[in-house]
């Protein structure tokens, strides 16, 4: 009878430990995904801003070319 009780206690300990490990890993994974989403958001914002800057620079170059032509 004590062998069965010992086996049940060991099984319960293993079950609790496994579930605790799974929950801890799940929290860590969720945290890391959240951090990656923040980084991706910052990157996307940078890409949008660079597109605006490139458009502005292109317009400035066209205007400079026009001014050069007027000066000739």
PDB file of N, CA and C in Angstrom:
ATOM      1  N   UNK A   1       0.820  -1.194   0.000  1.00  0.00           N
ATOM      2  CA  UNK A   1       0.000   0.000   0.000  1.00  0.00           C
ATOM      3  C   UNK A   1       0.866   1.261   0.000  1.00  0.00           C
ATOM      4  N   UNK A   2       1.973   1.233   0.724  1.00  0.00           N
ATOM      5  CA  UNK A   2       2.842   2.415   0.765  1.00  0.00           C
ATOM      6  C   UNK A   2       3.512   2.662  -0.589  1.00  0.00           C
ATOM      7  N   UNK A   3       3.758   1.587  -1.330  1.00  0.00           N
ATOM      8  CA  UNK A   3       4.363   1.750  -2.657  1.00  0.00           C
ATOM      9  C   UNK A   3       3.413   2.498  -3.591  1.00  0.00           C
ATOM     10  N   UNK A   4       2.137   2.159  -3.526  1.00  0.00           N
ATOM     11  CA  UNK A   4       1.139   2.826  -4.365  1.00  0.00           C
ATOM     12  C   UNK A   4       1.016   4.295  -3.965  1.00  0.00           C
ATOM     13  N   UNK A   5       1.002   4.565  -2.677  1.00  0.00           N
ATOM     14  CA  UNK A   5       0.899   5.932  -2.179  1.00  0.00           C
ATOM     15  C   UNK A   5       2.134   6.743  -2.603  1.00  0.00           C
ATOM     16  N   UNK A   6       3.289   6.151  -2.516  1.00  0.00           N
ATOM     17  CA  UNK A   6       4.519   6.820  -2.929  1.00  0.00           C
ATOM     18  C   UNK A   6       4.493   7.107  -4.427  1.00  0.00           C
ATOM     19  N   UNK A   7       4.022   6.152  -5.214  1.00  0.00           N
ATOM     20  CA  UNK A   7       3.933   6.348  -6.661  1.00  0.00           C
ATOM     21  C   UNK A   7       2.944   7.457  -7.000  1.00  0.00           C
ATOM     22  N   UNK A   8       1.810   7.513  -6.300  1.00  0.00           N
ATOM     23  CA  UNK A   8       0.818   8.558  -6.548  1.00  0.00           C
ATOM     24  C   UNK A   8       1.363   9.940  -6.185  1.00  0.00           C
ATOM     25  N   UNK A   9       2.076  10.021  -5.071  1.00  0.00           N
ATOM     26  CA  UNK A   9       2.676  11.295  -4.662  1.00  0.00           C
ATOM     27  C   UNK A   9       3.736  11.732  -5.687  1.00  0.00           C
ATOM     28  N   UNK A  10       4.546  10.793  -6.143  1.00  0.00           N
ATOM     29  CA  UNK A  10       5.567  11.104  -7.149  1.00  0.00           C
ATOM     30  C   UNK A  10       4.911  11.560  -8.450  1.00  0.00           C
ATOM     31  N   UNK A  11       3.835  10.881  -8.834  1.00  0.00           N
ATOM     32  CA  UNK A  11       3.109  11.255 -10.057  1.00  0.00           C
ATOM     33  C   UNK A  11       2.528  12.662  -9.922  1.00  0.00           C
ATOM     34  N   UNK A  12       1.943  12.964  -8.770  1.00  0.00           N
ATOM     35  CA  UNK A  12       1.371  14.291  -8.542  1.00  0.00           C
ATOM     36  C   UNK A  12       2.473  15.358  -8.590  1.00  0.00           C
ATOM     37  N   UNK A  13       3.611  15.079  -8.005  1.00  0.00           N
ATOM     38  CA  UNK A  13       4.729  16.027  -8.055  1.00  0.00           C
ATOM     39  C   UNK A  13       5.222  16.246  -9.468  1.00  0.00           C
ATOM     40  N   UNK A  14       5.313  15.167 -10.227  1.00  0.00           N
ATOM     41  CA  UNK A  14       5.740  15.275 -11.621  1.00  0.00           C
ATOM     42  C   UNK A  14       4.734  16.082 -12.430  1.00  0.00           C
ATOM     43  N   UNK A  15       3.458  15.822 -12.200  1.00  0.00           N
ATOM     44  CA  UNK A  15       2.399  16.530 -12.921  1.00  0.00           C
ATOM     45  C   UNK A  15       2.438  18.027 -12.603  1.00  0.00           C
ATOM     46  N   UNK A  16       2.560  18.361 -11.326  1.00  0.00           N
ATOM     47  CA  UNK A  16       2.610  19.778 -10.925  1.00  0.00           C
ATOM     48  C   UNK A  16       3.854  20.452 -11.505  1.00  0.00           C
ATOM     49  N   UNK A  17       4.984  19.779 -11.442  1.00  0.00           N
ATOM     50  CA  UNK A  17       6.223  20.343 -11.994  1.00  0.00           C
ATOM     51  C   UNK A  17       6.142  20.554 -13.492  1.00  0.00           C
ATOM     52  N   UNK A  18       5.590  19.599 -14.196  1.00  0.00           N
ATOM     53  CA  UNK A  18       5.460  19.718 -15.650  1.00  0.00           C
ATOM     54  C   UNK A  18       4.525  20.854 -16.028  1.00  0.00           C
ATOM     55  N   UNK A  19       3.396  20.919 -15.356  1.00  0.00           N
ATOM     56  CA  UNK A  19       2.450  22.001 -15.658  1.00  0.00           C
ATOM     57  C   UNK A  19       3.044  23.361 -15.317  1.00  0.00           C
ATOM     58  N   UNK A  20       3.766  23.448 -14.216  1.00  0.00           N
ATOM     59  CA  UNK A  20       4.422  24.700 -13.853  1.00  0.00           C
ATOM     60  C   UNK A  20       5.452  25.121 -14.896  1.00  0.00           C
ATOM     61  N   UNK A  21       6.203  24.168 -15.395  1.00  0.00           N
ATOM     62  CA  UNK A  21       7.183  24.460 -16.442  1.00  0.00           C
ATOM     63  C   UNK A  21       6.527  24.915 -17.728  1.00  0.00           C
ATOM     64  N   UNK A  22       5.442  24.273 -18.091  1.00  0.00           N
ATOM     65  CA  UNK A  22       4.720  24.657 -19.309  1.00  0.00           C
ATOM     66  C   UNK A  22       4.164  26.070 -19.173  1.00  0.00           C
ATOM     67  N   UNK A  23       3.592  26.385 -18.026  1.00  0.00           N
ATOM     68  CA  UNK A  23       3.031  27.726 -17.817  1.00  0.00           C
ATOM     69  C   UNK A  23       4.127  28.796 -17.821  1.00  0.00           C
ATOM     70  N   UNK A  24       5.264  28.507 -17.206  1.00  0.00           N
ATOM     71  CA  UNK A  24       6.372  29.469 -17.195  1.00  0.00           C
ATOM     72  C   UNK A  24       6.902  29.688 -18.609  1.00  0.00           C
ATOM     73  N   UNK A  25       7.054  28.621 -19.364  1.00  0.00           N
ATOM     74  CA  UNK A  25       7.526  28.746 -20.744  1.00  0.00           C
ATOM     75  C   UNK A  25       6.522  29.520 -21.589  1.00  0.00           C
ATOM     76  N   UNK A  26       5.243  29.295 -21.346  1.00  0.00           N
ATOM     77  CA  UNK A  26       4.204  30.000 -22.097  1.00  0.00           C
ATOM     78  C   UNK A  26       4.249  31.499 -21.804  1.00  0.00           C
ATOM     79  N   UNK A  27       4.432  31.869 -20.546  1.00  0.00           N
ATOM     80  CA  UNK A  27       4.528  33.297 -20.186  1.00  0.00           C
ATOM     81  C   UNK A  27       5.744  33.931 -20.845  1.00  0.00           C
ATOM     82  N   UNK A  28       6.869  33.231 -20.824  1.00  0.00           N
ATOM     83  CA  UNK A  28       8.083  33.751 -21.444  1.00  0.00           C
ATOM     84  C   UNK A  28       7.888  33.922 -22.947  1.00  0.00           C
ATOM     85  N   UNK A  29       7.269  32.961 -23.580  1.00  0.00           N
ATOM     86  CA  UNK A  29       7.010  33.047 -25.019  1.00  0.00           C
ATOM     87  C   UNK A  29       6.095  34.226 -25.334  1.00  0.00           C
ATOM     88  N   UNK A  30       5.053  34.404 -24.560  1.00  0.00           N
ATOM     89  CA  UNK A  30       4.134  35.524 -24.776  1.00  0.00           C
ATOM     90  C   UNK A  30       4.863  36.854 -24.591  1.00  0.00           C
ATOM     91  N   UNK A  31       5.730  36.945 -23.598  1.00  0.00           N
ATOM     92  CA  UNK A  31       6.500  38.165 -23.362  1.00  0.00           C
ATOM     93  C   UNK A  31       7.418  38.463 -24.543  1.00  0.00           C
ATOM     94  N   UNK A  32       8.106  37.450 -25.025  1.00  0.00           N
ATOM     95  CA  UNK A  32       9.031  37.649 -26.146  1.00  0.00           C
ATOM     96  C   UNK A  32       8.287  38.034 -27.413  1.00  0.00           C
ATOM     97  N   UNK A  33       7.136  37.442 -27.654  1.00  0.00           N
ATOM     98  CA  UNK A  33       6.332  37.814 -28.825  1.00  0.00           C
ATOM     99  C   UNK A  33       5.897  39.266 -28.717  1.00  0.00           C
ATOM    100  N   UNK A  34       5.498  39.685 -27.527  1.00  0.00           N
ATOM    101  CA  UNK A  34       5.097  41.078 -27.316  1.00  0.00           C
ATOM    102  C   UNK A  34       6.257  42.024 -27.608  1.00  0.00           C
ATOM    103  N   UNK A  35       7.456  41.674 -27.142  1.00  0.00           N
ATOM    104  CA  UNK A  35       8.622  42.514 -27.392  1.00  0.00           C
ATOM    105  C   UNK A  35       8.949  42.571 -28.881  1.00  0.00           C
ATOM    106  N   UNK A  36       8.828  41.454 -29.572  1.00  0.00           N
ATOM    107  CA  UNK A  36       9.081  41.437 -31.015  1.00  0.00           C
ATOM    108  C   UNK A  36       8.050  42.268 -31.769  1.00  0.00           C
ATOM    109  N   UNK A  37       6.794  42.221 -31.340  1.00  0.00           N
ATOM    110  CA  UNK A  37       5.763  43.039 -31.977  1.00  0.00           C
ATOM    111  C   UNK A  37       6.081  44.520 -31.824  1.00  0.00           C
ATOM    112  N   UNK A  38       6.596  44.920 -30.662  1.00  0.00           N
ATOM    113  CA  UNK A  38       6.977  46.327 -30.456  1.00  0.00           C
ATOM    114  C   UNK A  38       8.120  46.719 -31.390  1.00  0.00           C
ATOM    115  N   UNK A  39       9.106  45.835 -31.539  1.00  0.00           N
ATOM    116  CA  UNK A  39      10.222  46.127 -32.430  1.00  0.00           C
ATOM    117  C   UNK A  39       9.757  46.228 -33.879  1.00  0.00           C
ATOM    118  N   UNK A  40       8.875  45.345 -34.295  1.00  0.00           N
ATOM    119  CA  UNK A  40       8.355  45.374 -35.662  1.00  0.00           C
ATOM    120  C   UNK A  40       7.571  46.658 -35.899  1.00  0.00           C
ATOM    121  N   UNK A  41       6.811  47.080 -34.904  1.00  0.00           N
ATOM    122  CA  UNK A  41       6.051  48.323 -35.023  1.00  0.00           C
ATOM    123  C   UNK A  41       6.992  49.507 -35.202  1.00  0.00           C
ATOM    124  N   UNK A  42       8.061  49.561 -34.422  1.00  0.00           N
ATOM    125  CA  UNK A  42       9.038  50.636 -34.569  1.00  0.00           C
ATOM    126  C   UNK A  42       9.673  50.598 -35.952  1.00  0.00           C
ATOM    127  N   UNK A  43      10.006  49.399 -36.422  1.00  0.00           N
ATOM    128  CA  UNK A  43      10.623  49.258 -37.739  1.00  0.00           C
ATOM    129  C   UNK A  43       9.665  49.736 -38.832  1.00  0.00           C
ATOM    130  N   UNK A  44       8.402  49.340 -38.737  1.00  0.00           N
ATOM    131  CA  UNK A  44       7.430  49.757 -39.743  1.00  0.00           C
ATOM    132  C   UNK A  44       7.268  51.271 -39.741  1.00  0.00           C
ATOM    133  N   UNK A  45       7.281  51.881 -38.558  1.00  0.00           N
ATOM    134  CA  UNK A  45       7.186  53.330 -38.463  1.00  0.00           C
ATOM    135  C   UNK A  45       8.390  53.983 -39.144  1.00  0.00           C
ATOM    136  N   UNK A  46       9.565  53.420 -38.947  1.00  0.00           N
ATOM    137  CA  UNK A  46      10.768  53.945 -39.577  1.00  0.00           C
ATOM    138  C   UNK A  46      10.671  53.828 -41.093  1.00  0.00           C
ATOM    139  N   UNK A  47      10.173  52.718 -41.593  1.00  0.00           N
ATOM    140  CA  UNK A  47      10.044  52.518 -43.037  1.00  0.00           C
ATOM    141  C   UNK A  47       9.099  53.567 -43.622  1.00  0.00           C
ATOM    142  N   UNK A  48       7.995  53.829 -42.946  1.00  0.00           N
ATOM    143  CA  UNK A  48       7.052  54.836 -43.437  1.00  0.00           C
ATOM    144  C   UNK A  48       7.694  56.219 -43.444  1.00  0.00           C
ATOM    145  N   UNK A  49       8.433  56.548 -42.397  1.00  0.00           N
ATOM    146  CA  UNK A  49       9.089  57.856 -42.332  1.00  0.00           C
ATOM    147  C   UNK A  49      10.157  57.988 -43.409  1.00  0.00           C
ATOM    148  N   UNK A  50      10.910  56.925 -43.653  1.00  0.00           N
ATOM    149  CA  UNK A  50      11.946  56.983 -44.687  1.00  0.00           C
ATOM    150  C   UNK A  50      11.322  57.149 -46.068  1.00  0.00           C
ATOM    151  N   UNK A  51      10.166  56.562 -46.302  1.00  0.00           N
ATOM    152  CA  UNK A  51       9.484  56.737 -47.581  1.00  0.00           C
ATOM    153  C   UNK A  51       9.138  58.210 -47.782  1.00  0.00           C
ATOM    154  N   UNK A  52       8.653  58.856 -46.723  1.00  0.00           N
ATOM    155  CA  UNK A  52       8.327  60.289 -46.806  1.00  0.00           C
ATOM    156  C   UNK A  52       9.581  61.117 -47.063  1.00  0.00           C
ATOM    157  N   UNK A  53      10.676  60.779 -46.379  1.00  0.00           N
ATOM    158  CA  UNK A  53      11.929  61.510 -46.565  1.00  0.00           C
ATOM    159  C   UNK A  53      12.441  61.328 -47.985  1.00  0.00           C
ATOM    160  N   UNK A  54      12.381  60.121 -48.507  1.00  0.00           N
ATOM    161  CA  UNK A  54      12.843  59.876 -49.867  1.00  0.00           C
ATOM    162  C   UNK A  54      12.018  60.672 -50.876  1.00  0.00           C
ATOM    163  N   UNK A  55      10.725  60.750 -50.668  1.00  0.00           N
ATOM    164  CA  UNK A  55       9.870  61.531 -51.562  1.00  0.00           C
ATOM    165  C   UNK A  55      10.242  63.005 -51.490  1.00  0.00           C
ATOM    166  N   UNK A  56      10.489  63.487 -50.294  1.00  0.00           N
ATOM    167  CA  UNK A  56      10.859  64.890 -50.115  1.00  0.00           C
ATOM    168  C   UNK A  56      12.203  65.185 -50.775  1.00  0.00           C
ATOM    169  N   UNK A  57      13.168  64.303 -50.623  1.00  0.00           N
ATOM    170  CA  UNK A  57      14.486  64.489 -51.228  1.00  0.00           C
ATOM    171  C   UNK A  57      14.364  64.470 -52.748  1.00  0.00           C
ATOM    172  N   UNK A  58      13.547  63.584 -53.263  1.00  0.00           N
ATOM    173  CA  UNK A  58      13.357  63.505 -54.711  1.00  0.00           C
ATOM    174  C   UNK A  58      12.777  64.818 -55.237  1.00  0.00           C
ATOM    175  N   UNK A  59      11.801  65.376 -54.520  1.00  0.00           N
ATOM    176  CA  UNK A  59      11.218  66.659 -54.919  1.00  0.00           C
ATOM    177  C   UNK A  59      12.262  67.768 -54.862  1.00  0.00           C
ATOM    178  N   UNK A  60      13.083  67.740 -53.824  1.00  0.00           N
ATOM    179  CA  UNK A  60      14.130  68.760 -53.685  1.00  0.00           C
ATOM    180  C   UNK A  60      15.130  68.664 -54.832  1.00  0.00           C
ATOM    181  N   UNK A  61      15.497  67.471 -55.213  1.00  0.00           N
ATOM    182  CA  UNK A  61      16.433  67.296 -56.332  1.00  0.00           C
ATOM    183  C   UNK A  61      15.823  67.818 -57.630  1.00  0.00           C
ATOM    184  N   UNK A  62      14.551  67.553 -57.849  1.00  0.00           N
ATOM    185  CA  UNK A  62      13.886  68.063 -59.052  1.00  0.00           C
ATOM    186  C   UNK A  62      13.886  69.594 -59.050  1.00  0.00           C
ATOM    187  N   UNK A  63      13.611  70.164 -57.898  1.00  0.00           N
ATOM    188  CA  UNK A  63      13.578  71.625 -57.802  1.00  0.00           C
ATOM    189  C   UNK A  63      14.969  72.204 -58.034  1.00  0.00           C
ATOM    190  N   UNK A  64      16.001  71.584 -57.496  1.00  0.00           N
ATOM    191  CA  UNK A  64      17.383  72.036 -57.711  1.00  0.00           C
ATOM    192  C   UNK A  64      17.720  71.968 -59.192  1.00  0.00           C
ATOM    193  N   UNK A  65      17.339  70.870 -59.854  1.00  0.00           N
ATOM    194  CA  UNK A  65      17.589  70.745 -61.290  1.00  0.00           C
ATOM    195  C   UNK A  65      16.883  71.854 -62.068  1.00  0.00           C
ATOM    196  N   UNK A  66      15.651  72.180 -61.672  1.00  0.00           N
ATOM    197  CA  UNK A  66      14.917  73.263 -62.333  1.00  0.00           C
ATOM    198  C   UNK A  66      15.621  74.598 -62.144  1.00  0.00           C
ATOM    199  N   UNK A  67      16.098  74.864 -60.936  1.00  0.00           N
ATOM    200  CA  UNK A  67      16.802  76.109 -60.665  1.00  0.00           C
ATOM    201  C   UNK A  67      18.101  76.198 -61.459  1.00  0.00           C
ATOM    202  N   UNK A  68      18.804  75.089 -61.599  1.00  0.00           N
ATOM    203  CA  UNK A  68      20.019  75.068 -62.402  1.00  0.00           C
ATOM    204  C   UNK A  68      19.723  75.406 -63.849  1.00  0.00           C
ATOM    205  N   UNK A  69      18.635  74.824 -64.350  1.00  0.00           N
ATOM    206  CA  UNK A  69      18.246  75.095 -65.737  1.00  0.00           C
ATOM    207  C   UNK A  69      17.886  76.574 -65.920  1.00  0.00           C
ATOM    208  N   UNK A  70      17.225  77.182 -64.930  1.00  0.00           N
ATOM    209  CA  UNK A  70      16.863  78.593 -65.013  1.00  0.00           C
ATOM    210  C   UNK A  70      18.085  79.481 -64.987  1.00  0.00           C
ATOM    211  N   UNK A  71      19.127  79.058 -64.253  1.00  0.00           N
ATOM    212  CA  UNK A  71      20.329  79.873 -64.151  1.00  0.00           C
ATOM    213  C   UNK A  71      21.156  79.843 -65.422  1.00  0.00           C
ATOM    214  N   UNK A  72      20.994  78.843 -66.255  1.00  0.00           N
ATOM    215  CA  UNK A  72      21.772  78.731 -67.492  1.00  0.00           C
ATOM    216  C   UNK A  72      21.318  79.657 -68.529  1.00  0.00           C
TER     217      UNK A  72
END
